[in-house]
Amino acid sequence: MARNNSTLIKPFVKWVGGKRQLLDDIYEYMPDDGYSTYYEPFLGGGALFLSEQPKKAIVNDGNEELINTYKVIQRNVSELIEALKVHKEKNNEDHFYEVREWDRKPGYEERSDVEKAARLIY
């Protein structure tokens, strides 16, 4: 399915409006001779971006939590993995609902970017 690379890197989240199932259809409208810069204004789960694996890209999304998560993966993936392990160890219905409520309670702004990214993935 990957057009430019032999390895398809899959999105780390399922996203509403995701393009994963549409990749072959989308490729029909992409230039055969390539491009110098890949632009993705609505990144979401990043199915097309991750499939293309462009050398130069400008990506965006209106969801700040999602963009934070991409940045954490890029810069602090080891810390993110450790935070996700904690969620895995504590994984049950009560923990899920507690984590889901974090952004609805005071103090969410003080949580680290890693904690916020782990929450989004969890």
PDB file of N, CA and C in Angstrom:
ATOM      1  N   MET A   1       0.821  -1.190   0.000  1.00  0.00           N
ATOM      2  CA  MET A   1       0.000   0.000   0.000  1.00  0.00           C
ATOM      3  C   MET A   1       0.866   1.257   0.000  1.00  0.00           C
ATOM      4  N   ALA A   2       2.027   1.230   0.642  1.00  0.00           N
ATOM      5  CA  ALA A   2       2.874   2.413   0.657  1.00  0.00           C
ATOM      6  C   ALA A   2       3.383   2.681  -0.751  1.00  0.00           C
ATOM      7  N   ARG A   3       3.253   3.882  -1.208  1.00  0.00           N
ATOM      8  CA  ARG A   3       3.611   4.231  -2.566  1.00  0.00           C
ATOM      9  C   ARG A   3       5.105   4.446  -2.724  1.00  0.00           C
ATOM     10  N   ASN A   4       5.722   5.209  -1.819  1.00  0.00           N
ATOM     11  CA  ASN A   4       7.126   5.563  -1.961  1.00  0.00           C
ATOM     12  C   ASN A   4       8.056   4.710  -1.112  1.00  0.00           C
ATOM     13  N   ASN A   5       7.536   3.946  -0.212  1.00  0.00           N
ATOM     14  CA  ASN A   5       8.363   3.173   0.700  1.00  0.00           C
ATOM     15  C   ASN A   5       7.799   1.773   0.839  1.00  0.00           C
ATOM     16  N   SER A   6       8.670   0.839   1.160  1.00  0.00           N
ATOM     17  CA  SER A   6       8.214  -0.541   1.276  1.00  0.00           C
ATOM     18  C   SER A   6       7.550  -0.811   2.620  1.00  0.00           C
ATOM     19  N   THR A   7       7.783   0.028   3.614  1.00  0.00           N
ATOM     20  CA  THR A   7       7.232  -0.198   4.943  1.00  0.00           C
ATOM     21  C   THR A   7       6.159   0.837   5.242  1.00  0.00           C
ATOM     22  N   LEU A   8       4.962   0.357   5.534  1.00  0.00           N
ATOM     23  CA  LEU A   8       3.885   1.263   5.912  1.00  0.00           C
ATOM     24  C   LEU A   8       3.944   1.480   7.411  1.00  0.00           C
ATOM     25  N   ILE A   9       4.154   2.708   7.815  1.00  0.00           N
ATOM     26  CA  ILE A   9       4.102   3.065   9.225  1.00  0.00           C
ATOM     27  C   ILE A   9       2.652   3.420   9.503  1.00  0.00           C
ATOM     28  N   LYS A  10       2.057   2.719  10.434  1.00  0.00           N
ATOM     29  CA  LYS A  10       0.638   2.916  10.703  1.00  0.00           C
ATOM     30  C   LYS A  10       0.419   4.021  11.726  1.00  0.00           C
ATOM     31  N   PRO A  11      -0.703   4.716  11.610  1.00  0.00           N
ATOM     32  CA  PRO A  11      -1.036   5.744  12.599  1.00  0.00           C
ATOM     33  C   PRO A  11      -1.125   5.154  14.009  1.00  0.00           C
ATOM     34  N   PHE A  12      -0.772   5.957  15.004  1.00  0.00           N
ATOM     35  CA  PHE A  12      -0.811   5.504  16.394  1.00  0.00           C
ATOM     36  C   PHE A  12      -2.194   5.680  17.006  1.00  0.00           C
ATOM     37  N   VAL A  13      -3.090   6.360  16.302  1.00  0.00           N
ATOM     38  CA  VAL A  13      -4.475   6.523  16.754  1.00  0.00           C
ATOM     39  C   VAL A  13      -5.403   6.376  15.553  1.00  0.00           C
ATOM     40  N   LYS A  14      -6.619   5.919  15.819  1.00  0.00           N
ATOM     41  CA  LYS A  14      -7.660   5.968  14.789  1.00  0.00           C
ATOM     42  C   LYS A  14      -8.282   7.347  14.902  1.00  0.00           C
ATOM     43  N   TRP A  15      -8.509   7.970  13.764  1.00  0.00           N
ATOM     44  CA  TRP A  15      -8.999   9.340  13.782  1.00  0.00           C
ATOM     45  C   TRP A  15     -10.249   9.454  12.935  1.00  0.00           C
ATOM     46  N   VAL A  16     -11.217  10.212  13.411  1.00  0.00           N
ATOM     47  CA  VAL A  16     -12.439  10.448  12.654  1.00  0.00           C
ATOM     48  C   VAL A  16     -12.050  11.057  11.308  1.00  0.00           C
ATOM     49  N   GLY A  17     -12.584  10.503  10.246  1.00  0.00           N
ATOM     50  CA  GLY A  17     -12.247  11.004   8.909  1.00  0.00           C
ATOM     51  C   GLY A  17     -10.919  10.484   8.412  1.00  0.00           C
ATOM     52  N   GLY A  18     -10.397   9.446   9.038  1.00  0.00           N
ATOM     53  CA  GLY A  18      -9.097   8.889   8.656  1.00  0.00           C
ATOM     54  C   GLY A  18      -9.053   8.471   7.194  1.00  0.00           C
ATOM     55  N   LYS A  19      -7.855   8.528   6.615  1.00  0.00           N
ATOM     56  CA  LYS A  19      -7.680   8.259   5.194  1.00  0.00           C
ATOM     57  C   LYS A  19      -7.076   6.885   4.911  1.00  0.00           C
ATOM     58  N   ARG A  20      -6.845   6.084   5.925  1.00  0.00           N
ATOM     59  CA  ARG A  20      -6.141   4.807   5.729  1.00  0.00           C
ATOM     60  C   ARG A  20      -6.796   3.939   4.657  1.00  0.00           C
ATOM     61  N   GLN A  21      -8.116   3.807   4.688  1.00  0.00           N
ATOM     62  CA  GLN A  21      -8.795   2.959   3.717  1.00  0.00           C
ATOM     63  C   GLN A  21      -8.873   3.601   2.328  1.00  0.00           C
ATOM     64  N   LEU A  22      -8.560   4.878   2.234  1.00  0.00           N
ATOM     65  CA  LEU A  22      -8.668   5.596   0.955  1.00  0.00           C
ATOM     66  C   LEU A  22      -7.322   5.812   0.266  1.00  0.00           C
ATOM     67  N   LEU A  23      -6.242   5.276   0.829  1.00  0.00           N
ATOM     68  CA  LEU A  23      -4.908   5.579   0.303  1.00  0.00           C
ATOM     69  C   LEU A  23      -4.783   5.279  -1.188  1.00  0.00           C
ATOM     70  N   ASP A  24      -5.216   4.113  -1.642  1.00  0.00           N
ATOM     71  CA  ASP A  24      -5.086   3.780  -3.064  1.00  0.00           C
ATOM     72  C   ASP A  24      -5.850   4.762  -3.940  1.00  0.00           C
ATOM     73  N   ASP A  25      -7.033   5.183  -3.492  1.00  0.00           N
ATOM     74  CA  ASP A  25      -7.810   6.166  -4.256  1.00  0.00           C
ATOM     75  C   ASP A  25      -7.121   7.524  -4.262  1.00  0.00           C
ATOM     76  N   ILE A  26      -6.557   7.925  -3.146  1.00  0.00           N
ATOM     77  CA  ILE A  26      -5.873   9.219  -3.046  1.00  0.00           C
ATOM     78  C   ILE A  26      -4.643   9.241  -3.944  1.00  0.00           C
ATOM     79  N   TYR A  27      -3.906   8.128  -3.998  1.00  0.00           N
ATOM     80  CA  TYR A  27      -2.694   8.070  -4.824  1.00  0.00           C
ATOM     81  C   TYR A  27      -2.983   8.353  -6.298  1.00  0.00           C
ATOM     82  N   GLU A  28      -4.175   8.023  -6.753  1.00  0.00           N
ATOM     83  CA  GLU A  28      -4.530   8.283  -8.153  1.00  0.00           C
ATOM     84  C   GLU A  28      -4.483   9.773  -8.491  1.00  0.00           C
ATOM     85  N   TYR A  29      -4.639  10.625  -7.480  1.00  0.00           N
ATOM     86  CA  TYR A  29      -4.676  12.073  -7.704  1.00  0.00           C
ATOM     87  C   TYR A  29      -3.377  12.775  -7.310  1.00  0.00           C
ATOM     88  N   MET A  30      -2.393  11.996  -6.902  1.00  0.00           N
ATOM     89  CA  MET A  30      -1.112  12.592  -6.503  1.00  0.00           C
ATOM     90  C   MET A  30      -0.149  12.568  -7.687  1.00  0.00           C
ATOM     91  N   PRO A  31       0.755  13.528  -7.758  1.00  0.00           N
ATOM     92  CA  PRO A  31       1.663  13.597  -8.908  1.00  0.00           C
ATOM     93  C   PRO A  31       2.590  12.376  -8.986  1.00  0.00           C
ATOM     94  N   ASP A  32       2.707  11.835 -10.198  1.00  0.00           N
ATOM     95  CA  ASP A  32       3.576  10.673 -10.421  1.00  0.00           C
ATOM     96  C   ASP A  32       5.052  11.035 -10.316  1.00  0.00           C
ATOM     97  N   ASP A  33       5.371  12.285 -10.631  1.00  0.00           N
ATOM     98  CA  ASP A  33       6.775  12.706 -10.630  1.00  0.00           C
ATOM     99  C   ASP A  33       7.222  13.264  -9.285  1.00  0.00           C
ATOM    100  N   GLY A  34       6.414  13.089  -8.257  1.00  0.00           N
ATOM    101  CA  GLY A  34       6.792  13.528  -6.913  1.00  0.00           C
ATOM    102  C   GLY A  34       6.499  14.988  -6.664  1.00  0.00           C
ATOM    103  N   TYR A  35       7.105  15.486  -5.599  1.00  0.00           N
ATOM    104  CA  TYR A  35       6.898  16.865  -5.168  1.00  0.00           C
ATOM    105  C   TYR A  35       8.074  17.237  -4.281  1.00  0.00           C
ATOM    106  N   SER A  36       8.321  18.532  -4.142  1.00  0.00           N
ATOM    107  CA  SER A  36       9.455  18.955  -3.321  1.00  0.00           C
ATOM    108  C   SER A  36       9.080  19.027  -1.847  1.00  0.00           C
ATOM    109  N   THR A  37       7.849  19.425  -1.554  1.00  0.00           N
ATOM    110  CA  THR A  37       7.392  19.530  -0.169  1.00  0.00           C
ATOM    111  C   THR A  37       5.988  18.946  -0.063  1.00  0.00           C
ATOM    112  N   TYR A  38       5.784  18.121   0.935  1.00  0.00           N
ATOM    113  CA  TYR A  38       4.474  17.513   1.206  1.00  0.00           C
ATOM    114  C   TYR A  38       3.739  18.412   2.190  1.00  0.00           C
ATOM    115  N   TYR A  39       2.501  18.763   1.879  1.00  0.00           N
ATOM    116  CA  TYR A  39       1.669  19.586   2.748  1.00  0.00           C
ATOM    117  C   TYR A  39       0.452  18.779   3.190  1.00  0.00           C
ATOM    118  N   GLU A  40       0.170  18.804   4.485  1.00  0.00           N
ATOM    119  CA  GLU A  40      -1.000  18.104   5.030  1.00  0.00           C
ATOM    120  C   GLU A  40      -1.683  19.053   6.010  1.00  0.00           C
ATOM    121  N   PRO A  41      -2.752  19.754   5.578  1.00  0.00           N
ATOM    122  CA  PRO A  41      -3.396  20.727   6.459  1.00  0.00           C
ATOM    123  C   PRO A  41      -4.238  20.100   7.572  1.00  0.00           C
ATOM    124  N   PHE A  42      -4.714  18.870   7.361  1.00  0.00           N
ATOM    125  CA  PHE A  42      -5.556  18.189   8.346  1.00  0.00           C
ATOM    126  C   PHE A  42      -4.935  16.827   8.636  1.00  0.00           C
ATOM    127  N   LEU A  43      -3.914  16.804   9.455  1.00  0.00           N
ATOM    128  CA  LEU A  43      -3.103  15.605   9.662  1.00  0.00           C
ATOM    129  C   LEU A  43      -3.875  14.448  10.269  1.00  0.00           C
ATOM    130  N   GLY A  44      -4.643  14.701  11.329  1.00  0.00           N
ATOM    131  CA  GLY A  44      -5.367  13.623  11.989  1.00  0.00           C
ATOM    132  C   GLY A  44      -4.419  12.507  12.394  1.00  0.00           C
ATOM    133  N   GLY A  45      -4.796  11.268  12.089  1.00  0.00           N
ATOM    134  CA  GLY A  45      -3.953  10.121  12.417  1.00  0.00           C
ATOM    135  C   GLY A  45      -2.729  10.005  11.532  1.00  0.00           C
ATOM    136  N   GLY A  46      -2.692  10.736  10.438  1.00  0.00           N
ATOM    137  CA  GLY A  46      -1.510  10.797   9.594  1.00  0.00           C
ATOM    138  C   GLY A  46      -1.311   9.630   8.645  1.00  0.00           C
ATOM    139  N   ALA A  47      -2.374   8.932   8.255  1.00  0.00           N
ATOM    140  CA  ALA A  47      -2.228   7.747   7.398  1.00  0.00           C
ATOM    141  C   ALA A  47      -1.489   8.060   6.091  1.00  0.00           C
ATOM    142  N   LEU A  48      -1.890   9.107   5.392  1.00  0.00           N
ATOM    143  CA  LEU A  48      -1.245   9.442   4.123  1.00  0.00           C
ATOM    144  C   LEU A  48       0.185   9.921   4.361  1.00  0.00           C
ATOM    145  N   PHE A  49       0.366  10.793   5.325  1.00  0.00           N
ATOM    146  CA  PHE A  49       1.704  11.304   5.662  1.00  0.00           C
ATOM    147  C   PHE A  49       2.656  10.155   6.013  1.00  0.00           C
ATOM    148  N   LEU A  50       2.220   9.236   6.861  1.00  0.00           N
ATOM    149  CA  LEU A  50       3.075   8.127   7.281  1.00  0.00           C
ATOM    150  C   LEU A  50       3.314   7.146   6.150  1.00  0.00           C
ATOM    151  N   SER A  51       2.355   7.010   5.266  1.00  0.00           N
ATOM    152  CA  SER A  51       2.526   6.140   4.114  1.00  0.00           C
ATOM    153  C   SER A  51       3.533   6.729   3.126  1.00  0.00           C
ATOM    154  N   GLU A  52       3.455   8.025   2.919  1.00  0.00           N
ATOM    155  CA  GLU A  52       4.364   8.708   1.996  1.00  0.00           C
ATOM    156  C   GLU A  52       5.790   8.829   2.547  1.00  0.00           C
ATOM    157  N   GLN A  53       5.907   9.062   3.854  1.00  0.00           N
ATOM    158  CA  GLN A  53       7.203   9.275   4.494  1.00  0.00           C
ATOM    159  C   GLN A  53       8.061  10.279   3.699  1.00  0.00           C
ATOM    160  N   PRO A  54       7.519  11.496   3.503  1.00  0.00           N
ATOM    161  CA  PRO A  54       8.231  12.481   2.685  1.00  0.00           C
ATOM    162  C   PRO A  54       9.506  12.982   3.367  1.00  0.00           C
ATOM    163  N   LYS A  55      10.462  13.378   2.535  1.00  0.00           N
ATOM    164  CA  LYS A  55      11.716  13.935   3.062  1.00  0.00           C
ATOM    165  C   LYS A  55      11.495  15.322   3.670  1.00  0.00           C
ATOM    166  N   LYS A  56      10.608  16.098   3.064  1.00  0.00           N
ATOM    167  CA  LYS A  56      10.297  17.440   3.555  1.00  0.00           C
ATOM    168  C   LYS A  56       8.774  17.575   3.629  1.00  0.00           C
ATOM    169  N   ALA A  57       8.288  17.999   4.792  1.00  0.00           N
ATOM    170  CA  ALA A  57       6.839  18.083   4.967  1.00  0.00           C
ATOM    171  C   ALA A  57       6.458  19.245   5.871  1.00  0.00           C
ATOM    172  N   ILE A  58       5.292  19.778   5.624  1.00  0.00           N
ATOM    173  CA  ILE A  58       4.668  20.769   6.495  1.00  0.00           C
ATOM    174  C   ILE A  58       3.290  20.210   6.825  1.00  0.00           C
ATOM    175  N   VAL A  59       3.082  19.901   8.108  1.00  0.00           N
ATOM    176  CA  VAL A  59       1.821  19.302   8.526  1.00  0.00           C
ATOM    177  C   VAL A  59       1.149  20.181   9.570  1.00  0.00           C
ATOM    178  N   ASN A  60      -0.171  20.033   9.667  1.00  0.00           N
ATOM    179  CA  ASN A  60      -0.940  20.856  10.582  1.00  0.00           C
ATOM    180  C   ASN A  60      -2.204  20.107  10.990  1.00  0.00           C
ATOM    181  N   ASP A  61      -2.762  20.522  12.089  1.00  0.00           N
ATOM    182  CA  ASP A  61      -4.079  20.058  12.503  1.00  0.00           C
ATOM    183  C   ASP A  61      -4.581  21.059  13.529  1.00  0.00           C
ATOM    184  N   GLY A  62      -5.880  21.225  13.600  1.00  0.00           N
ATOM    185  CA  GLY A  62      -6.473  22.166  14.542  1.00  0.00           C
ATOM    186  C   GLY A  62      -6.504  21.647  15.974  1.00  0.00           C
ATOM    187  N   ASN A  63      -6.252  20.361  16.164  1.00  0.00           N
ATOM    188  CA  ASN A  63      -6.308  19.761  17.490  1.00  0.00           C
ATOM    189  C   ASN A  63      -4.935  19.876  18.157  1.00  0.00           C
ATOM    190  N   GLU A  64      -4.822  20.780  19.127  1.00  0.00           N
ATOM    191  CA  GLU A  64      -3.544  21.024  19.804  1.00  0.00           C
ATOM    192  C   GLU A  64      -3.026  19.795  20.536  1.00  0.00           C
ATOM    193  N   GLU A  65      -3.942  19.004  21.105  1.00  0.00           N
ATOM    194  CA  GLU A  65      -3.531  17.790  21.824  1.00  0.00           C
ATOM    195  C   GLU A  65      -2.885  16.796  20.861  1.00  0.00           C
ATOM    196  N   LEU A  66      -3.438  16.681  19.674  1.00  0.00           N
ATOM    197  CA  LEU A  66      -2.890  15.773  18.672  1.00  0.00           C
ATOM    198  C   LEU A  66      -1.499  16.229  18.224  1.00  0.00           C
ATOM    199  N   ILE A  67      -1.353  17.506  17.933  1.00  0.00           N
ATOM    200  CA  ILE A  67      -0.055  18.030  17.503  1.00  0.00           C
ATOM    201  C   ILE A  67       0.965  17.863  18.627  1.00  0.00           C
ATOM    202  N   ASN A  68       0.561  18.113  19.872  1.00  0.00           N
ATOM    203  CA  ASN A  68       1.446  17.881  21.008  1.00  0.00           C
ATOM    204  C   ASN A  68       1.916  16.424  21.022  1.00  0.00           C
ATOM    205  N   THR A  69       1.022  15.498  20.743  1.00  0.00           N
ATOM    206  CA  THR A  69       1.376  14.081  20.772  1.00  0.00           C
ATOM    207  C   THR A  69       2.408  13.760  19.700  1.00  0.00           C
ATOM    208  N   TYR A  70       2.241  14.294  18.498  1.00  0.00           N
ATOM    209  CA  TYR A  70       3.254  14.091  17.457  1.00  0.00           C
ATOM    210  C   TYR A  70       4.610  14.640  17.901  1.00  0.00           C
ATOM    211  N   LYS A  71       4.608  15.815  18.510  1.00  0.00           N
ATOM    212  CA  LYS A  71       5.872  16.408  18.970  1.00  0.00           C
ATOM    213  C   LYS A  71       6.513  15.557  20.060  1.00  0.00           C
ATOM    214  N   VAL A  72       5.703  15.025  20.973  1.00  0.00           N
ATOM    215  CA  VAL A  72       6.237  14.169  22.035  1.00  0.00           C
ATOM    216  C   VAL A  72       6.828  12.896  21.436  1.00  0.00           C
ATOM    217  N   ILE A  73       6.159  12.313  20.457  1.00  0.00           N
ATOM    218  CA  ILE A  73       6.697  11.120  19.797  1.00  0.00           C
ATOM    219  C   ILE A  73       8.046  11.450  19.159  1.00  0.00           C
ATOM    220  N   GLN A  74       8.140  12.608  18.553  1.00  0.00           N
ATOM    221  CA  GLN A  74       9.374  13.021  17.896  1.00  0.00           C
ATOM    222  C   GLN A  74      10.499  13.292  18.892  1.00  0.00           C
ATOM    223  N   ARG A  75      10.185  13.909  20.024  1.00  0.00           N
ATOM    224  CA  ARG A  75      11.215  14.413  20.933  1.00  0.00           C
ATOM    225  C   ARG A  75      11.422  13.582  22.202  1.00  0.00           C
ATOM    226  N   ASN A  76      10.372  12.924  22.693  1.00  0.00           N
ATOM    227  CA  ASN A  76      10.437  12.245  24.002  1.00  0.00           C
ATOM    228  C   ASN A  76       9.773  10.876  23.960  1.00  0.00           C
ATOM    229  N   VAL A  77      10.026  10.103  22.936  1.00  0.00           N
ATOM    230  CA  VAL A  77       9.302   8.842  22.784  1.00  0.00           C
ATOM    231  C   VAL A  77       9.549   7.879  23.947  1.00  0.00           C
ATOM    232  N   SER A  78      10.748   7.871  24.510  1.00  0.00           N
ATOM    233  CA  SER A  78      11.033   6.961  25.632  1.00  0.00           C
ATOM    234  C   SER A  78      10.178   7.305  26.846  1.00  0.00           C
ATOM    235  N   GLU A  79      10.072   8.595  27.158  1.00  0.00           N
ATOM    236  CA  GLU A  79       9.223   9.029  28.278  1.00  0.00           C
ATOM    237  C   GLU A  79       7.759   8.694  28.010  1.00  0.00           C
ATOM    238  N   LEU A  80       7.336   8.858  26.773  1.00  0.00           N
ATOM    239  CA  LEU A  80       5.953   8.546  26.402  1.00  0.00           C
ATOM    240  C   LEU A  80       5.681   7.056  26.608  1.00  0.00           C
ATOM    241  N   ILE A  81       6.585   6.219  26.181  1.00  0.00           N
ATOM    242  CA  ILE A  81       6.411   4.773  26.347  1.00  0.00           C
ATOM    243  C   ILE A  81       6.285   4.416  27.824  1.00  0.00           C
ATOM    244  N   GLU A  82       7.105   5.038  28.657  1.00  0.00           N
ATOM    245  CA  GLU A  82       7.022   4.771  30.102  1.00  0.00           C
ATOM    246  C   GLU A  82       5.670   5.215  30.672  1.00  0.00           C
ATOM    247  N   ALA A  83       5.184   6.362  30.229  1.00  0.00           N
ATOM    248  CA  ALA A  83       3.879   6.847  30.701  1.00  0.00           C
ATOM    249  C   ALA A  83       2.763   5.919  30.239  1.00  0.00           C
ATOM    250  N   LEU A  84       2.878   5.395  29.033  1.00  0.00           N
ATOM    251  CA  LEU A  84       1.864   4.465  28.532  1.00  0.00           C
ATOM    252  C   LEU A  84       1.905   3.139  29.284  1.00  0.00           C
ATOM    253  N   LYS A  85       3.087   2.728  29.716  1.00  0.00           N
ATOM    254  CA  LYS A  85       3.202   1.504  30.517  1.00  0.00           C
ATOM    255  C   LYS A  85       2.434   1.646  31.829  1.00  0.00           C
ATOM    256  N   VAL A  86       2.478   2.837  32.419  1.00  0.00           N
ATOM    257  CA  VAL A  86       1.729   3.084  33.662  1.00  0.00           C
ATOM    258  C   VAL A  86       0.235   2.924  33.403  1.00  0.00           C
ATOM    259  N   HIS A  87      -0.251   3.484  32.293  1.00  0.00           N
ATOM    260  CA  HIS A  87      -1.669   3.336  31.950  1.00  0.00           C
ATOM    261  C   HIS A  87      -2.015   1.863  31.721  1.00  0.00           C
ATOM    262  N   LYS A  88      -1.108   1.144  31.092  1.00  0.00           N
ATOM    263  CA  LYS A  88      -1.358  -0.274  30.839  1.00  0.00           C
ATOM    264  C   LYS A  88      -1.468  -1.047  32.155  1.00  0.00           C
ATOM    265  N   GLU A  89      -0.564  -0.746  33.096  1.00  0.00           N
ATOM    266  CA  GLU A  89      -0.577  -1.425  34.399  1.00  0.00           C
ATOM    267  C   GLU A  89      -1.856  -1.123  35.183  1.00  0.00           C
ATOM    268  N   LYS A  90      -2.317   0.111  35.072  1.00  0.00           N
ATOM    269  CA  LYS A  90      -3.502   0.534  35.831  1.00  0.00           C
ATOM    270  C   LYS A  90      -4.802   0.344  35.043  1.00  0.00           C
ATOM    271  N   ASN A  91      -4.700  -0.189  33.852  1.00  0.00           N
ATOM    272  CA  ASN A  91      -5.843  -0.231  32.948  1.00  0.00           C
ATOM    273  C   ASN A  91      -7.042  -0.984  33.531  1.00  0.00           C
ATOM    274  N   ASN A  92      -8.074  -0.223  33.792  1.00  0.00           N
ATOM    275  CA  ASN A  92      -9.383  -0.758  34.160  1.00  0.00           C
ATOM    276  C   ASN A  92     -10.389   0.365  33.933  1.00  0.00           C
ATOM    277  N   GLU A  93     -11.633   0.078  34.137  1.00  0.00           N
ATOM    278  CA  GLU A  93     -12.674   1.066  33.854  1.00  0.00           C
ATOM    279  C   GLU A  93     -12.503   2.340  34.682  1.00  0.00           C
ATOM    280  N   ASP A  94     -12.211   2.197  35.960  1.00  0.00           N
ATOM    281  CA  ASP A  94     -12.055   3.381  36.819  1.00  0.00           C
ATOM    282  C   ASP A  94     -10.898   4.257  36.354  1.00  0.00           C
ATOM    283  N   HIS A  95      -9.772   3.620  36.047  1.00  0.00           N
ATOM    284  CA  HIS A  95      -8.607   4.392  35.593  1.00  0.00           C
ATOM    285  C   HIS A  95      -8.914   5.103  34.278  1.00  0.00           C
ATOM    286  N   PHE A  96      -9.559   4.413  33.359  1.00  0.00           N
ATOM    287  CA  PHE A  96      -9.906   5.019  32.078  1.00  0.00           C
ATOM    288  C   PHE A  96     -10.729   6.288  32.270  1.00  0.00           C
ATOM    289  N   TYR A  97     -11.780   6.194  33.074  1.00  0.00           N
ATOM    290  CA  TYR A  97     -12.643   7.361  33.265  1.00  0.00           C
ATOM    291  C   TYR A  97     -11.938   8.474  34.032  1.00  0.00           C
ATOM    292  N   GLU A  98     -11.051   8.110  34.949  1.00  0.00           N
ATOM    293  CA  GLU A  98     -10.275   9.127  35.665  1.00  0.00           C
ATOM    294  C   GLU A  98      -9.371   9.895  34.699  1.00  0.00           C
ATOM    295  N   VAL A  99      -8.664   9.179  33.838  1.00  0.00           N
ATOM    296  CA  VAL A  99      -7.768   9.815  32.864  1.00  0.00           C
ATOM    297  C   VAL A  99      -8.568  10.639  31.863  1.00  0.00           C
ATOM    298  N   ARG A 100      -9.703  10.137  31.458  1.00  0.00           N
ATOM    299  CA  ARG A 100     -10.547  10.855  30.504  1.00  0.00           C
ATOM    300  C   ARG A 100     -10.994  12.207  31.065  1.00  0.00           C
ATOM    301  N   GLU A 101     -11.152  12.289  32.370  1.00  0.00           N
ATOM    302  CA  GLU A 101     -11.622  13.514  33.019  1.00  0.00           C
ATOM    303  C   GLU A 101     -10.512  14.542  33.281  1.00  0.00           C
ATOM    304  N   TRP A 102      -9.273  14.183  33.086  1.00  0.00           N
ATOM    305  CA  TRP A 102      -8.172  15.095  33.417  1.00  0.00           C
ATOM    306  C   TRP A 102      -8.384  16.507  32.883  1.00  0.00           C
ATOM    307  N   ASP A 103      -8.779  16.632  31.633  1.00  0.00           N
ATOM    308  CA  ASP A 103      -8.886  17.972  31.036  1.00  0.00           C
ATOM    309  C   ASP A 103     -10.133  18.718  31.472  1.00  0.00           C
ATOM    310  N   ARG A 104     -10.965  18.083  32.263  1.00  0.00           N
ATOM    311  CA  ARG A 104     -12.187  18.725  32.754  1.00  0.00           C
ATOM    312  C   ARG A 104     -12.038  19.202  34.195  1.00  0.00           C
ATOM    313  N   LYS A 105     -10.838  19.012  34.739  1.00  0.00           N
ATOM    314  CA  LYS A 105     -10.582  19.368  36.134  1.00  0.00           C
ATOM    315  C   LYS A 105      -9.438  20.371  36.210  1.00  0.00           C
ATOM    316  N   PRO A 106      -9.414  21.187  37.263  1.00  0.00           N
ATOM    317  CA  PRO A 106      -8.310  22.146  37.420  1.00  0.00           C
ATOM    318  C   PRO A 106      -6.962  21.429  37.471  1.00  0.00           C
ATOM    319  N   GLY A 107      -5.960  22.085  36.937  1.00  0.00           N
ATOM    320  CA  GLY A 107      -4.605  21.559  36.991  1.00  0.00           C
ATOM    321  C   GLY A 107      -4.155  20.852  35.725  1.00  0.00           C
ATOM    322  N   TYR A 108      -5.060  20.690  34.774  1.00  0.00           N
ATOM    323  CA  TYR A 108      -4.669  19.990  33.541  1.00  0.00           C
ATOM    324  C   TYR A 108      -3.547  20.732  32.817  1.00  0.00           C
ATOM    325  N   GLU A 109      -3.589  22.049  32.847  1.00  0.00           N
ATOM    326  CA  GLU A 109      -2.574  22.855  32.152  1.00  0.00           C
ATOM    327  C   GLU A 109      -1.181  22.595  32.712  1.00  0.00           C
ATOM    328  N   GLU A 110      -1.098  22.200  33.979  1.00  0.00           N
ATOM    329  CA  GLU A 110       0.201  21.969  34.610  1.00  0.00           C
ATOM    330  C   GLU A 110       0.775  20.580  34.280  1.00  0.00           C
ATOM    331  N   ARG A 111      -0.038  19.707  33.716  1.00  0.00           N
ATOM    332  CA  ARG A 111       0.465  18.383  33.353  1.00  0.00           C
ATOM    333  C   ARG A 111       1.489  18.531  32.231  1.00  0.00           C
ATOM    334  N   SER A 112       2.444  17.615  32.210  1.00  0.00           N
ATOM    335  CA  SER A 112       3.505  17.674  31.196  1.00  0.00           C
ATOM    336  C   SER A 112       2.959  17.301  29.821  1.00  0.00           C
ATOM    337  N   ASP A 113       3.691  17.696  28.797  1.00  0.00           N
ATOM    338  CA  ASP A 113       3.311  17.331  27.438  1.00  0.00           C
ATOM    339  C   ASP A 113       3.275  15.809  27.275  1.00  0.00           C
ATOM    340  N   VAL A 114       4.194  15.114  27.938  1.00  0.00           N
ATOM    341  CA  VAL A 114       4.230  13.653  27.874  1.00  0.00           C
ATOM    342  C   VAL A 114       2.961  13.064  28.491  1.00  0.00           C
ATOM    343  N   GLU A 115       2.545  13.574  29.641  1.00  0.00           N
ATOM    344  CA  GLU A 115       1.319  13.083  30.286  1.00  0.00           C
ATOM    345  C   GLU A 115       0.106  13.308  29.376  1.00  0.00           C
ATOM    346  N   LYS A 116       0.050  14.472  28.757  1.00  0.00           N
ATOM    347  CA  LYS A 116      -1.074  14.787  27.869  1.00  0.00           C
ATOM    348  C   LYS A 116      -1.077  13.877  26.639  1.00  0.00           C
ATOM    349  N   ALA A 117       0.105  13.619  26.086  1.00  0.00           N
ATOM    350  CA  ALA A 117       0.204  12.739  24.914  1.00  0.00           C
ATOM    351  C   ALA A 117      -0.191  11.311  25.279  1.00  0.00           C
ATOM    352  N   ALA A 118       0.277  10.834  26.422  1.00  0.00           N
ATOM    353  CA  ALA A 118      -0.073   9.483  26.857  1.00  0.00           C
ATOM    354  C   ALA A 118      -1.576   9.368  27.076  1.00  0.00           C
ATOM    355  N   ARG A 119      -2.183  10.422  27.596  1.00  0.00           N
ATOM    356  CA  ARG A 119      -3.630  10.440  27.782  1.00  0.00           C
ATOM    357  C   ARG A 119      -4.351  10.314  26.453  1.00  0.00           C
ATOM    358  N   LEU A 120      -3.924  11.063  25.451  1.00  0.00           N
ATOM    359  CA  LEU A 120      -4.591  11.019  24.160  1.00  0.00           C
ATOM    360  C   LEU A 120      -4.499   9.617  23.545  1.00  0.00           C
ATOM    361  N   ILE A 121      -3.341   9.007  23.626  1.00  0.00           N
ATOM    362  CA  ILE A 121      -3.172   7.669  23.060  1.00  0.00           C
ATOM    363  C   ILE A 121      -3.953   6.646  23.869  1.00  0.00           C
ATOM    364  N   TYR A 122      -3.897   6.774  25.193  1.00  0.00           N
ATOM    365  CA  TYR A 122      -4.617   5.831  26.070  1.00  0.00           C
ATOM    366  C   TYR A 122      -6.096   5.942  25.826  1.00  0.00           C
TER     367      TYR A 122
END
